[in-house]
PDB file of N, CA and C in Angstrom:
ATOM      1  N   GLU A   1     -20.531  -2.511 -24.508  1.00  0.00           N
ATOM      2  CA  GLU A   1     -21.025  -3.739 -23.333  1.00  0.00           C
ATOM      3  C   GLU A   1     -19.637  -4.650 -23.098  1.00  0.00           C
ATOM      4  N   PHE A   2     -18.697  -5.339 -22.378  1.00  0.00           N
ATOM      5  CA  PHE A   2     -18.799  -6.418 -23.008  1.00  0.00           C
ATOM      6  C   PHE A   2     -19.270  -7.337 -21.968  1.00  0.00           C
ATOM      7  N   ARG A   3     -19.383  -9.033 -23.182  1.00  0.00           N
ATOM      8  CA  ARG A   3     -20.103  -9.535 -22.521  1.00  0.00           C
ATOM      9  C   ARG A   3     -19.660 -10.358 -22.947  1.00  0.00           C
ATOM     10  N   TRP A   4     -19.640 -12.264 -21.846  1.00  0.00           N
ATOM     11  CA  TRP A   4     -18.443 -13.319 -21.556  1.00  0.00           C
ATOM     12  C   TRP A   4     -19.128 -14.068 -22.991  1.00  0.00           C
ATOM     13  N   GLU A   5     -20.448 -14.098 -22.346  1.00  0.00           N
ATOM     14  CA  GLU A   5     -20.416 -15.262 -23.694  1.00  0.00           C
ATOM     15  C   GLU A   5     -20.931 -15.174 -24.983  1.00  0.00           C
ATOM     16  N   ASP A   6     -20.989 -13.314 -25.067  1.00  0.00           N
ATOM     17  CA  ASP A   6     -20.905 -13.484 -26.460  1.00  0.00           C
ATOM     18  C   ASP A   6     -18.938 -13.590 -26.941  1.00  0.00           C
ATOM     19  N   GLN A   7     -18.137 -13.618 -25.974  1.00  0.00           N
ATOM     20  CA  GLN A   7     -16.332 -13.695 -26.638  1.00  0.00           C
ATOM     21  C   GLN A   7     -16.083 -15.712 -25.947  1.00  0.00           C
ATOM     22  N   PHE A   8     -17.264 -16.274 -25.828  1.00  0.00           N
ATOM     23  CA  PHE A   8     -17.328 -17.424 -25.837  1.00  0.00           C
ATOM     24  C   PHE A   8     -17.672 -18.510 -26.951  1.00  0.00           C
ATOM     25  N   ASN A   9     -18.581 -17.791 -27.719  1.00  0.00           N
ATOM     26  CA  ASN A   9     -20.048 -18.431 -28.611  1.00  0.00           C
ATOM     27  C   ASN A   9     -18.616 -17.519 -29.949  1.00  0.00           C
ATOM     28  N   LEU A  10     -17.151 -16.850 -29.390  1.00  0.00           N
ATOM     29  CA  LEU A  10     -16.216 -16.869 -30.994  1.00  0.00           C
ATOM     30  C   LEU A  10     -15.584 -18.013 -30.708  1.00  0.00           C
ATOM     31  N   ALA A  11     -15.082 -18.428 -29.666  1.00  0.00           N
ATOM     32  CA  ALA A  11     -14.022 -19.419 -29.758  1.00  0.00           C
ATOM     33  C   ALA A  11     -14.679 -20.270 -30.182  1.00  0.00           C
ATOM     34  N   LEU A  12     -13.001 -20.823 -30.751  1.00  0.00           N
ATOM     35  CA  LEU A  12     -13.033 -21.819 -31.387  1.00  0.00           C
ATOM     36  C   LEU A  12     -14.166 -23.046 -31.315  1.00  0.00           C
ATOM     37  N   ASP A  13     -13.801 -23.067 -30.176  1.00  0.00           N
ATOM     38  CA  ASP A  13     -14.176 -24.578 -28.942  1.00  0.00           C
ATOM     39  C   ASP A  13     -14.691 -23.555 -27.707  1.00  0.00           C
ATOM     40  N   PRO A  14     -16.177 -23.322 -27.956  1.00  0.00           N
ATOM     41  CA  PRO A  14     -17.107 -22.266 -26.899  1.00  0.00           C
ATOM     42  C   PRO A  14     -16.240 -23.072 -25.530  1.00  0.00           C
ATOM     43  N   GLY A  15     -17.044 -24.281 -25.492  1.00  0.00           N
ATOM     44  CA  GLY A  15     -16.579 -24.734 -24.446  1.00  0.00           C
ATOM     45  C   GLY A  15     -15.829 -24.865 -23.344  1.00  0.00           C
ATOM     46  N   THR A  16     -14.593 -25.318 -24.109  1.00  0.00           N
ATOM     47  CA  THR A  16     -12.842 -25.323 -23.409  1.00  0.00           C
ATOM     48  C   THR A  16     -12.728 -23.865 -23.572  1.00  0.00           C
ATOM     49  N   ALA A  17     -13.047 -22.792 -23.975  1.00  0.00           N
ATOM     50  CA  ALA A  17     -13.041 -21.534 -23.565  1.00  0.00           C
ATOM     51  C   ALA A  17     -14.207 -21.197 -22.441  1.00  0.00           C
ATOM     52  N   ARG A  18     -14.786 -21.976 -21.882  1.00  0.00           N
ATOM     53  CA  ARG A  18     -15.546 -21.443 -20.649  1.00  0.00           C
ATOM     54  C   ARG A  18     -15.708 -22.310 -19.418  1.00  0.00           C
ATOM     55  N   ALA A  19     -15.298 -23.279 -20.238  1.00  0.00           N
ATOM     56  CA  ALA A  19     -14.242 -24.151 -18.694  1.00  0.00           C
ATOM     57  C   ALA A  19     -12.734 -23.473 -17.500  1.00  0.00           C
ATOM     58  N   TYR A  20     -11.574 -22.626 -19.193  1.00  0.00           N
ATOM     59  CA  TYR A  20     -11.049 -22.301 -18.643  1.00  0.00           C
ATOM     60  C   TYR A  20     -10.844 -20.633 -18.057  1.00  0.00           C
ATOM     61  N   HIS A  21     -12.127 -20.321 -18.095  1.00  0.00           N
ATOM     62  CA  HIS A  21     -12.372 -18.881 -17.625  1.00  0.00           C
ATOM     63  C   HIS A  21     -13.484 -18.996 -16.217  1.00  0.00           C
ATOM     64  N   ASP A  22     -13.974 -20.805 -16.458  1.00  0.00           N
ATOM     65  CA  ASP A  22     -14.437 -20.493 -14.947  1.00  0.00           C
ATOM     66  C   ASP A  22     -13.718 -21.351 -13.979  1.00  0.00           C
ATOM     67  N   GLU A  23     -12.324 -21.827 -15.235  1.00  0.00           N
ATOM     68  CA  GLU A  23     -11.193 -22.587 -14.042  1.00  0.00           C
ATOM     69  C   GLU A  23     -10.446 -21.283 -13.434  1.00  0.00           C
ATOM     70  N   THR A  24     -10.215 -20.199 -14.335  1.00  0.00           N
ATOM     71  CA  THR A  24      -9.648 -18.674 -13.633  1.00  0.00           C
ATOM     72  C   THR A  24     -10.325 -17.957 -12.619  1.00  0.00           C
ATOM     73  N   LEU A  25     -11.568 -17.331 -12.900  1.00  0.00           N
ATOM     74  CA  LEU A  25     -12.433 -17.067 -12.199  1.00  0.00           C
ATOM     75  C   LEU A  25     -13.440 -18.232 -12.193  1.00  0.00           C
ATOM     76  N   PRO A  26     -12.861 -19.255 -10.388  1.00  0.00           N
ATOM     77  CA  PRO A  26     -14.422 -20.292 -10.251  1.00  0.00           C
ATOM     78  C   PRO A  26     -15.454 -19.769  -9.220  1.00  0.00           C
ATOM     79  N   GLN A  27     -15.246 -18.287  -8.438  1.00  0.00           N
ATOM     80  CA  GLN A  27     -16.884 -17.730  -8.202  1.00  0.00           C
ATOM     81  C   GLN A  27     -17.708 -17.239  -9.071  1.00  0.00           C
ATOM     82  N   ALA A  28     -19.050 -17.414  -8.309  1.00  0.00           N
ATOM     83  CA  ALA A  28     -19.941 -15.985  -9.081  1.00  0.00           C
ATOM     84  C   ALA A  28     -19.703 -15.216  -9.926  1.00  0.00           C
ATOM     85  N   ALA A  29     -19.656 -14.545  -9.493  1.00  0.00           N
ATOM     86  CA  ALA A  29     -19.964 -13.126  -9.916  1.00  0.00           C
ATOM     87  C   ALA A  29     -18.142 -13.023 -10.739  1.00  0.00           C
ATOM     88  N   GLY A  30     -17.437 -13.871 -10.747  1.00  0.00           N
ATOM     89  CA  GLY A  30     -16.458 -13.804 -12.105  1.00  0.00           C
ATOM     90  C   GLY A  30     -16.814 -15.168 -13.242  1.00  0.00           C
ATOM     91  N   LYS A  31     -18.121 -15.250 -13.141  1.00  0.00           N
ATOM     92  CA  LYS A  31     -18.985 -15.511 -14.680  1.00  0.00           C
ATOM     93  C   LYS A  31     -19.591 -14.266 -15.328  1.00  0.00           C
ATOM     94  N   VAL A  32     -19.668 -12.702 -14.220  1.00  0.00           N
ATOM     95  CA  VAL A  32     -20.580 -12.290 -14.827  1.00  0.00           C
ATOM     96  C   VAL A  32     -19.556 -10.538 -15.116  1.00  0.00           C
ATOM     97  N   ALA A  33     -18.620 -10.952 -13.892  1.00  0.00           N
ATOM     98  CA  ALA A  33     -16.738 -10.190 -14.462  1.00  0.00           C
ATOM     99  C   ALA A  33     -17.076  -9.658 -15.263  1.00  0.00           C
ATOM    100  N   HIS A  34     -16.875  -8.194 -15.918  1.00  0.00           N
ATOM    101  CA  HIS A  34     -16.301  -6.917 -16.781  1.00  0.00           C
ATOM    102  C   HIS A  34     -14.835  -7.548 -17.456  1.00  0.00           C
ATOM    103  N   PHE A  35     -14.379  -7.990 -15.947  1.00  0.00           N
ATOM    104  CA  PHE A  35     -12.396  -7.980 -17.064  1.00  0.00           C
ATOM    105  C   PHE A  35     -12.678  -9.620 -16.829  1.00  0.00           C
ATOM    106  N   CYS A  36     -11.437 -10.325 -17.592  1.00  0.00           N
ATOM    107  CA  CYS A  36     -10.822 -11.516 -17.662  1.00  0.00           C
ATOM    108  C   CYS A  36      -9.703 -11.737 -15.778  1.00  0.00           C
ATOM    109  N   SER A  37      -9.320 -12.740 -16.094  1.00  0.00           N
ATOM    110  CA  SER A  37      -8.102 -12.798 -14.738  1.00  0.00           C
ATOM    111  C   SER A  37      -6.431 -12.800 -15.113  1.00  0.00           C
ATOM    112  N   MET A  38      -6.006 -12.299 -16.688  1.00  0.00           N
ATOM    113  CA  MET A  38      -4.987 -12.334 -17.590  1.00  0.00           C
ATOM    114  C   MET A  38      -4.482 -11.027 -16.095  1.00  0.00           C
ATOM    115  N   CYS A  39      -5.077 -10.290 -16.850  1.00  0.00           N
ATOM    116  CA  CYS A  39      -5.112  -9.246 -15.820  1.00  0.00           C
ATOM    117  C   CYS A  39      -5.828  -8.028 -15.233  1.00  0.00           C
ATOM    118  N   GLY A  40      -7.088  -7.793 -14.488  1.00  0.00           N
ATOM    119  CA  GLY A  40      -7.664  -8.062 -13.968  1.00  0.00           C
ATOM    120  C   GLY A  40      -8.197  -6.653 -13.571  1.00  0.00           C
ATOM    121  N   PRO A  41      -9.280  -6.193 -13.089  1.00  0.00           N
ATOM    122  CA  PRO A  41     -10.439  -4.938 -13.149  1.00  0.00           C
ATOM    123  C   PRO A  41      -9.115  -4.049 -12.715  1.00  0.00           C
ATOM    124  N   LYS A  42      -8.188  -3.441 -12.398  1.00  0.00           N
ATOM    125  CA  LYS A  42      -7.323  -2.181 -12.534  1.00  0.00           C
ATOM    126  C   LYS A  42      -6.645  -2.248 -14.158  1.00  0.00           C
ATOM    127  N   PHE A  43      -6.556  -3.333 -14.274  1.00  0.00           N
ATOM    128  CA  PHE A  43      -6.140  -3.316 -15.960  1.00  0.00           C
ATOM    129  C   PHE A  43      -6.610  -3.550 -16.690  1.00  0.00           C
ATOM    130  N   CYS A  44      -7.161  -3.085 -17.367  1.00  0.00           N
ATOM    131  CA  CYS A  44      -8.350  -4.336 -18.658  1.00  0.00           C
ATOM    132  C   CYS A  44      -8.106  -4.194 -20.167  1.00  0.00           C
ATOM    133  N   SER A  45      -7.591  -4.268 -20.791  1.00  0.00           N
ATOM    134  CA  SER A  45      -7.511  -3.539 -21.990  1.00  0.00           C
ATOM    135  C   SER A  45      -9.174  -3.573 -22.411  1.00  0.00           C
ATOM    136  N   MET A  46     -10.273  -3.507 -22.101  1.00  0.00           N
ATOM    137  CA  MET A  46     -12.250  -4.685 -22.580  1.00  0.00           C
ATOM    138  C   MET A  46     -12.293  -3.086 -21.796  1.00  0.00           C
ATOM    139  N   LYS A  47     -11.864  -3.417 -19.989  1.00  0.00           N
ATOM    140  CA  LYS A  47     -12.363  -1.400 -19.802  1.00  0.00           C
ATOM    141  C   LYS A  47     -11.955  -0.568 -20.224  1.00  0.00           C
ATOM    142  N   ILE A  48     -10.211  -0.471 -20.848  1.00  0.00           N
ATOM    143  CA  ILE A  48     -10.484   1.284 -20.459  1.00  0.00           C
ATOM    144  C   ILE A  48     -10.808   0.981 -22.192  1.00  0.00           C
ATOM    145  N   SER A  49     -10.476  -0.034 -23.488  1.00  0.00           N
ATOM    146  CA  SER A  49     -11.621   0.690 -24.255  1.00  0.00           C
ATOM    147  C   SER A  49     -12.457   1.423 -23.993  1.00  0.00           C
ATOM    148  N   HIS A  50     -13.501   0.661 -23.370  1.00  0.00           N
ATOM    149  CA  HIS A  50     -14.964   0.981 -23.326  1.00  0.00           C
ATOM    150  C   HIS A  50     -14.909   2.311 -22.390  1.00  0.00           C
ATOM    151  N   GLU A  51     -13.839   2.292 -21.128  1.00  0.00           N
ATOM    152  CA  GLU A  51     -13.680   4.178 -21.286  1.00  0.00           C
ATOM    153  C   GLU A  51     -13.320   5.183 -22.797  1.00  0.00           C
ATOM    154  N   VAL A  52     -12.527   4.918 -22.903  1.00  0.00           N
ATOM    155  CA  VAL A  52     -12.071   5.679 -24.297  1.00  0.00           C
ATOM    156  C   VAL A  52     -13.171   5.966 -24.762  1.00  0.00           C
ATOM    157  N   ARG A  53     -14.306   4.840 -25.121  1.00  0.00           N
ATOM    158  CA  ARG A  53     -15.225   5.036 -26.208  1.00  0.00           C
ATOM    159  C   ARG A  53     -16.156   6.285 -25.463  1.00  0.00           C
ATOM    160  N   GLU A  54     -16.843   6.010 -24.028  1.00  0.00           N
ATOM    161  CA  GLU A  54     -17.607   6.292 -23.510  1.00  0.00           C
ATOM    162  C   GLU A  54     -16.833   7.953 -23.356  1.00  0.00           C
ATOM    163  N   ALA A  55     -15.457   7.718 -23.509  1.00  0.00           N
ATOM    164  CA  ALA A  55     -14.886   9.619 -23.423  1.00  0.00           C
ATOM    165  C   ALA A  55     -15.679   9.978 -24.225  1.00  0.00           C
ATOM    166  N   ALA A  56     -15.072   9.192 -26.010  1.00  0.00           N
ATOM    167  CA  ALA A  56     -15.249  10.020 -27.324  1.00  0.00           C
ATOM    168  C   ALA A  56     -16.448  10.220 -27.452  1.00  0.00           C
ATOM    169  N   ALA A  57     -17.403   9.767 -26.536  1.00  0.00           N
ATOM    170  CA  ALA A  57     -18.575  10.093 -27.095  1.00  0.00           C
ATOM    171  C   ALA A  57     -19.530  11.710 -26.217  1.00  0.00           C
ATOM    172  N   LYS A  58     -18.999  11.740 -25.182  1.00  0.00           N
ATOM    173  CA  LYS A  58     -19.183  12.280 -24.046  1.00  0.00           C
ATOM    174  C   LYS A  58     -18.536  13.639 -24.805  1.00  0.00           C
ATOM    175  N   GLU A  59     -17.376  13.924 -25.629  1.00  0.00           N
ATOM    176  CA  GLU A  59     -16.604  15.058 -26.158  1.00  0.00           C
ATOM    177  C   GLU A  59     -17.334  15.157 -27.548  1.00  0.00           C
ATOM    178  N   SER A  60     -17.917  13.439 -27.961  1.00  0.00           N
ATOM    179  CA  SER A  60     -18.608  14.308 -29.611  1.00  0.00           C
ATOM    180  C   SER A  60     -19.882  15.231 -29.175  1.00  0.00           C
ATOM    181  N   ARG A  61     -20.648  15.220 -28.072  1.00  0.00           N
ATOM    182  CA  ARG A  61     -21.810  15.392 -27.193  1.00  0.00           C
ATOM    183  C   ARG A  61     -21.805  17.034 -27.296  1.00  0.00           C
ATOM    184  N   GLY A  62     -19.834  17.063 -26.278  1.00  0.00           N
ATOM    185  CA  GLY A  62     -19.939  18.761 -25.802  1.00  0.00           C
ATOM    186  C   GLY A  62     -19.558  18.248 -24.227  1.00  0.00           C
ATOM    187  N   GLU A  63     -19.738  17.208 -23.689  1.00  0.00           N
ATOM    188  CA  GLU A  63     -19.915  16.970 -21.394  1.00  0.00           C
ATOM    189  C   GLU A  63     -18.782  17.552 -21.509  1.00  0.00           C
ATOM    190  N   ALA A  64     -18.182  17.738 -20.466  1.00  0.00           N
ATOM    191  CA  ALA A  64     -16.846  17.734 -19.544  1.00  0.00           C
ATOM    192  C   ALA A  64     -16.639  15.757 -19.462  1.00  0.00           C
ATOM    193  N   ILE A  65     -15.033  15.592 -20.298  1.00  0.00           N
ATOM    194  CA  ILE A  65     -14.432  15.095 -19.902  1.00  0.00           C
ATOM    195  C   ILE A  65     -13.726  15.014 -18.370  1.00  0.00           C
ATOM    196  N   ALA A  66     -13.879  13.821 -17.631  1.00  0.00           N
ATOM    197  CA  ALA A  66     -12.935  14.148 -16.059  1.00  0.00           C
ATOM    198  C   ALA A  66     -11.582  13.197 -16.622  1.00  0.00           C
ATOM    199  N   VAL A  67     -10.694  13.601 -16.612  1.00  0.00           N
ATOM    200  CA  VAL A  67      -9.664  12.974 -16.333  1.00  0.00           C
ATOM    201  C   VAL A  67      -8.728  12.879 -14.433  1.00  0.00           C
ATOM    202  N   ASN A  68      -8.015  11.563 -13.937  1.00  0.00           N
ATOM    203  CA  ASN A  68      -8.208  11.929 -12.708  1.00  0.00           C
ATOM    204  C   ASN A  68      -6.766  11.155 -13.108  1.00  0.00           C
ATOM    205  N   VAL A  69      -5.227  12.662 -12.161  1.00  0.00           N
ATOM    206  CA  VAL A  69      -3.741  12.429 -12.627  1.00  0.00           C
ATOM    207  C   VAL A  69      -3.902  11.861 -10.796  1.00  0.00           C
ATOM    208  N   THR A  70      -3.185  10.776 -10.683  1.00  0.00           N
ATOM    209  CA  THR A  70      -2.498  10.263 -10.198  1.00  0.00           C
ATOM    210  C   THR A  70      -0.952  12.182  -9.431  1.00  0.00           C
ATOM    211  N   PRO A  71      -0.930  13.256  -8.672  1.00  0.00           N
ATOM    212  CA  PRO A  71      -0.324  13.826  -8.402  1.00  0.00           C
ATOM    213  C   PRO A  71       1.515  12.735  -7.408  1.00  0.00           C
ATOM    214  N   HIS A  72       2.010  13.651  -8.425  1.00  0.00           N
ATOM    215  CA  HIS A  72       3.457  12.213  -8.538  1.00  0.00           C
ATOM    216  C   HIS A  72       4.775  12.932  -8.246  1.00  0.00           C
ATOM    217  N   GLN A  73       4.661  13.315  -6.426  1.00  0.00           N
ATOM    218  CA  GLN A  73       5.855  14.350  -6.303  1.00  0.00           C
ATOM    219  C   GLN A  73       7.369  14.039  -6.967  1.00  0.00           C
ATOM    220  N   THR A  74       8.141  14.256  -7.297  1.00  0.00           N
ATOM    221  CA  THR A  74       9.245  14.516  -7.349  1.00  0.00           C
ATOM    222  C   THR A  74      11.201  14.881  -6.489  1.00  0.00           C
ATOM    223  N   THR A  75      11.593  14.364  -6.668  1.00  0.00           N
ATOM    224  CA  THR A  75      12.213  13.998  -5.348  1.00  0.00           C
ATOM    225  C   THR A  75      13.719  14.501  -5.844  1.00  0.00           C
ATOM    226  N   ALA A  76      14.582  15.215  -4.618  1.00  0.00           N
ATOM    227  CA  ALA A  76      15.885  15.777  -4.938  1.00  0.00           C
ATOM    228  C   ALA A  76      16.228  15.073  -6.200  1.00  0.00           C
ATOM    229  N   GLU A  77      16.715  13.470  -5.819  1.00  0.00           N
ATOM    230  CA  GLU A  77      17.680  12.270  -6.322  1.00  0.00           C
ATOM    231  C   GLU A  77      17.268  12.519  -8.120  1.00  0.00           C
ATOM    232  N   GLN A  78      16.079  12.596  -7.996  1.00  0.00           N
ATOM    233  CA  GLN A  78      15.265  12.169  -9.776  1.00  0.00           C
ATOM    234  C   GLN A  78      15.545  13.664 -10.024  1.00  0.00           C
ATOM    235  N   LEU A  79      15.376  15.438  -9.468  1.00  0.00           N
ATOM    236  CA  LEU A  79      15.545  16.292 -10.206  1.00  0.00           C
ATOM    237  C   LEU A  79      17.144  16.696 -10.280  1.00  0.00           C
ATOM    238  N   ASP A  80      17.979  15.482 -10.157  1.00  0.00           N
ATOM    239  CA  ASP A  80      19.784  15.962 -10.264  1.00  0.00           C
ATOM    240  C   ASP A  80      20.039  14.800 -10.292  1.00  0.00           C
ATOM    241  N   GLY A  81      19.146  13.892 -11.781  1.00  0.00           N
ATOM    242  CA  GLY A  81      19.535  13.213 -11.854  1.00  0.00           C
ATOM    243  C   GLY A  81      19.587  13.393 -13.692  1.00  0.00           C
ATOM    244  N   MET A  82      17.933  14.131 -13.237  1.00  0.00           N
ATOM    245  CA  MET A  82      17.470  15.144 -14.864  1.00  0.00           C
ATOM    246  C   MET A  82      18.356  15.651 -15.453  1.00  0.00           C
ATOM    247  N   ARG A  83      18.673  17.126 -14.507  1.00  0.00           N
ATOM    248  CA  ARG A  83      19.142  18.159 -14.733  1.00  0.00           C
ATOM    249  C   ARG A  83      21.016  17.626 -14.592  1.00  0.00           C
ATOM    250  N   ALA A  84      21.924  16.067 -14.352  1.00  0.00           N
ATOM    251  CA  ALA A  84      23.107  15.310 -15.100  1.00  0.00           C
ATOM    252  C   ALA A  84      22.481  15.136 -16.820  1.00  0.00           C
ATOM    253  N   LYS A  85      21.674  14.175 -16.759  1.00  0.00           N
ATOM    254  CA  LYS A  85      21.285  13.841 -17.780  1.00  0.00           C
ATOM    255  C   LYS A  85      21.196  15.342 -18.986  1.00  0.00           C
ATOM    256  N   SER A  86      20.671  15.543 -18.990  1.00  0.00           N
ATOM    257  CA  SER A  86      20.301  17.053 -19.408  1.00  0.00           C
ATOM    258  C   SER A  86      21.962  18.060 -20.166  1.00  0.00           C
ATOM    259  N   ALA A  87      22.711  18.430 -18.820  1.00  0.00           N
ATOM    260  CA  ALA A  87      23.749  18.332 -18.872  1.00  0.00           C
ATOM    261  C   ALA A  87      24.978  17.783 -19.678  1.00  0.00           C
ATOM    262  N   GLU A  88      24.885  16.017 -20.221  1.00  0.00           N
ATOM    263  CA  GLU A  88      25.561  15.162 -20.854  1.00  0.00           C
ATOM    264  C   GLU A  88      24.871  15.723 -22.190  1.00  0.00           C
ATOM    265  N   PHE A  89      23.084  15.455 -22.586  1.00  0.00           N
ATOM    266  CA  PHE A  89      22.704  15.665 -23.486  1.00  0.00           C
ATOM    267  C   PHE A  89      23.428  17.627 -24.115  1.00  0.00           C
ATOM    268  N   ASN A  90      23.350  18.257 -23.482  1.00  0.00           N
ATOM    269  CA  ASN A  90      24.036  19.638 -24.238  1.00  0.00           C
ATOM    270  C   ASN A  90      25.355  19.237 -24.173  1.00  0.00           C
ATOM    271  N   ARG A  91      26.277  18.636 -24.170  1.00  0.00           N
ATOM    272  CA  ARG A  91      27.490  18.653 -23.701  1.00  0.00           C
ATOM    273  C   ARG A  91      27.626  18.097 -24.843  1.00  0.00           C
ATOM    274  N   ARG A  92      26.647  16.582 -25.287  1.00  0.00           N
ATOM    275  CA  ARG A  92      26.521  15.876 -26.439  1.00  0.00           C
ATOM    276  C   ARG A  92      25.690  17.133 -27.678  1.00  0.00           C
ATOM    277  N   GLY A  93      26.454  17.695 -27.565  1.00  0.00           N
ATOM    278  CA  GLY A  93      26.046  18.246 -28.745  1.00  0.00           C
ATOM    279  C   GLY A  93      24.556  18.318 -29.786  1.00  0.00           C
ATOM    280  N   ALA A  94      23.422  18.466 -28.011  1.00  0.00           N
ATOM    281  CA  ALA A  94      21.913  18.385 -28.420  1.00  0.00           C
ATOM    282  C   ALA A  94      21.350  17.992 -29.563  1.00  0.00           C
ATOM    283  N   GLU A  95      22.129  17.071 -29.228  1.00  0.00           N
ATOM    284  CA  GLU A  95      21.366  15.833 -30.960  1.00  0.00           C
ATOM    285  C   GLU A  95      20.009  14.748 -30.212  1.00  0.00           C
ATOM    286  N   LEU A  96      19.161  14.032 -31.466  1.00  0.00           N
ATOM    287  CA  LEU A  96      18.743  13.335 -30.917  1.00  0.00           C
ATOM    288  C   LEU A  96      19.478  12.318 -31.758  1.00  0.00           C
ATOM    289  N   TYR A  97      20.092  12.209 -32.483  1.00  0.00           N
ATOM    290  CA  TYR A  97      19.924  11.552 -33.257  1.00  0.00           C
ATOM    291  C   TYR A  97      22.262  11.770 -33.375  1.00  0.00           C
ATOM    292  N   HIS A  98      22.552  10.737 -33.017  1.00  0.00           N
ATOM    293  CA  HIS A  98      24.046  10.338 -33.828  1.00  0.00           C
ATOM    294  C   HIS A  98      24.926   9.589 -34.461  1.00  0.00           C
ATOM    295  N   PRO A  99      25.712   9.478 -35.242  1.00  0.00           N
ATOM    296  CA  PRO A  99      26.743   8.724 -36.047  1.00  0.00           C
ATOM    297  C   PRO A  99      26.764   7.834 -34.938  1.00  0.00           C
ATOM    298  N   ALA A 100      26.817   5.939 -35.543  1.00  0.00           N
ATOM    299  CA  ALA A 100      26.895   5.165 -35.499  1.00  0.00           C
ATOM    300  C   ALA A 100      29.070   4.827 -35.357  1.00  0.00           C
ATOM    301  N   VAL A 101      28.756   4.427 -34.046  1.00  0.00           N
ATOM    302  CA  VAL A 101      30.052   4.552 -33.752  1.00  0.00           C
ATOM    303  C   VAL A 101      30.771   3.064 -33.214  1.00  0.00           C
ATOM    304  N   SER A 102      31.347   2.510 -34.109  1.00  0.00           N
ATOM    305  CA  SER A 102      32.389   1.191 -34.611  1.00  0.00           C
ATOM    306  C   SER A 102      32.857   0.109 -32.932  1.00  0.00           C
ATOM    307  N   THR A 103      32.012  -0.586 -32.874  1.00  0.00           N
ATOM    308  CA  THR A 103      32.830  -0.928 -31.681  1.00  0.00           C
ATOM    309  C   THR A 103      34.322  -2.136 -32.093  1.00  0.00           C
ATOM    310  N   GLY A 104      34.186  -2.068 -32.902  1.00  0.00           N
ATOM    311  CA  GLY A 104      35.895  -3.162 -33.856  1.00  0.00           C
ATOM    312  C   GLY A 104      35.476  -4.224 -33.514  1.00  0.00           C
ATOM    313  N   ASP A 105      34.214  -5.023 -33.576  1.00  0.00           N
ATOM    314  CA  ASP A 105      33.851  -5.770 -33.157  1.00  0.00           C
ATOM    315  C   ASP A 105      33.049  -6.254 -34.713  1.00  0.00           C
ATOM    316  N   SER A 106      33.757  -6.505 -35.692  1.00  0.00           N
ATOM    317  CA  SER A 106      33.491  -6.727 -36.860  1.00  0.00           C
ATOM    318  C   SER A 106      31.975  -7.645 -37.308  1.00  0.00           C
ATOM    319  N   ASP A 107      31.803  -8.399 -36.325  1.00  0.00           N
ATOM    320  CA  ASP A 107      30.002  -9.435 -36.568  1.00  0.00           C
ATOM    321  C   ASP A 107      29.214  -8.501 -36.528  1.00  0.00           C
ATOM    322  N   HIS A 108      29.389  -6.663 -35.107  1.00  0.00           N
ATOM    323  CA  HIS A 108      28.361  -7.044 -35.284  1.00  0.00           C
ATOM    324  C   HIS A 108      28.353  -4.796 -35.969  1.00  0.00           C
ATOM    325  N   ASP A 109      29.847  -4.931 -36.043  1.00  0.00           N
ATOM    326  CA  ASP A 109      29.823  -3.423 -37.666  1.00  0.00           C
ATOM    327  C   ASP A 109      29.277  -3.965 -38.290  1.00  0.00           C
ATOM    328  N   SER A 110      29.603  -5.323 -39.170  1.00  0.00           N
ATOM    329  CA  SER A 110      28.531  -5.502 -40.732  1.00  0.00           C
ATOM    330  C   SER A 110      27.295  -5.325 -40.758  1.00  0.00           C
ATOM    331  N   HIS A 111      26.724  -5.187 -39.561  1.00  0.00           N
ATOM    332  CA  HIS A 111      24.888  -5.385 -39.958  1.00  0.00           C
ATOM    333  C   HIS A 111      24.195  -3.584 -39.375  1.00  0.00           C
TER     334      HIS A 111
END
C-alpha cells in the first residue's frame, strides 16, 4: 500500500515535501490519495506497481487474473499503410538490419 507519510519521511526535507504535496493537491482528499499530481490516478507508477504485485500474488496462488483489453478498430487506411510498409520491407530484402549508407557528410560518416 502506498502511504504518503512514509514518502514524506523519506525526503531530505519532510516539511517541504509535505508542503509541495499539499500545494499541488490542496483538497483534503488529496492528502490521502494513492497517487500524486504528476501523473494522476489513471497512469500512476505507484498504482501500476501495486497492480502488478497484486496480479503476481494472485497468479502464484493459482487464481485467474482479469485482463482489461480496450477494443481497437483498425481502419482501412491503417490496413493499407501496413500492407504498403510490409511490401516495402519485403522489397528491401526482408532484413531487420541493413549496412550503414554513406550520406556524403564527412562529419556524420566518421562517427
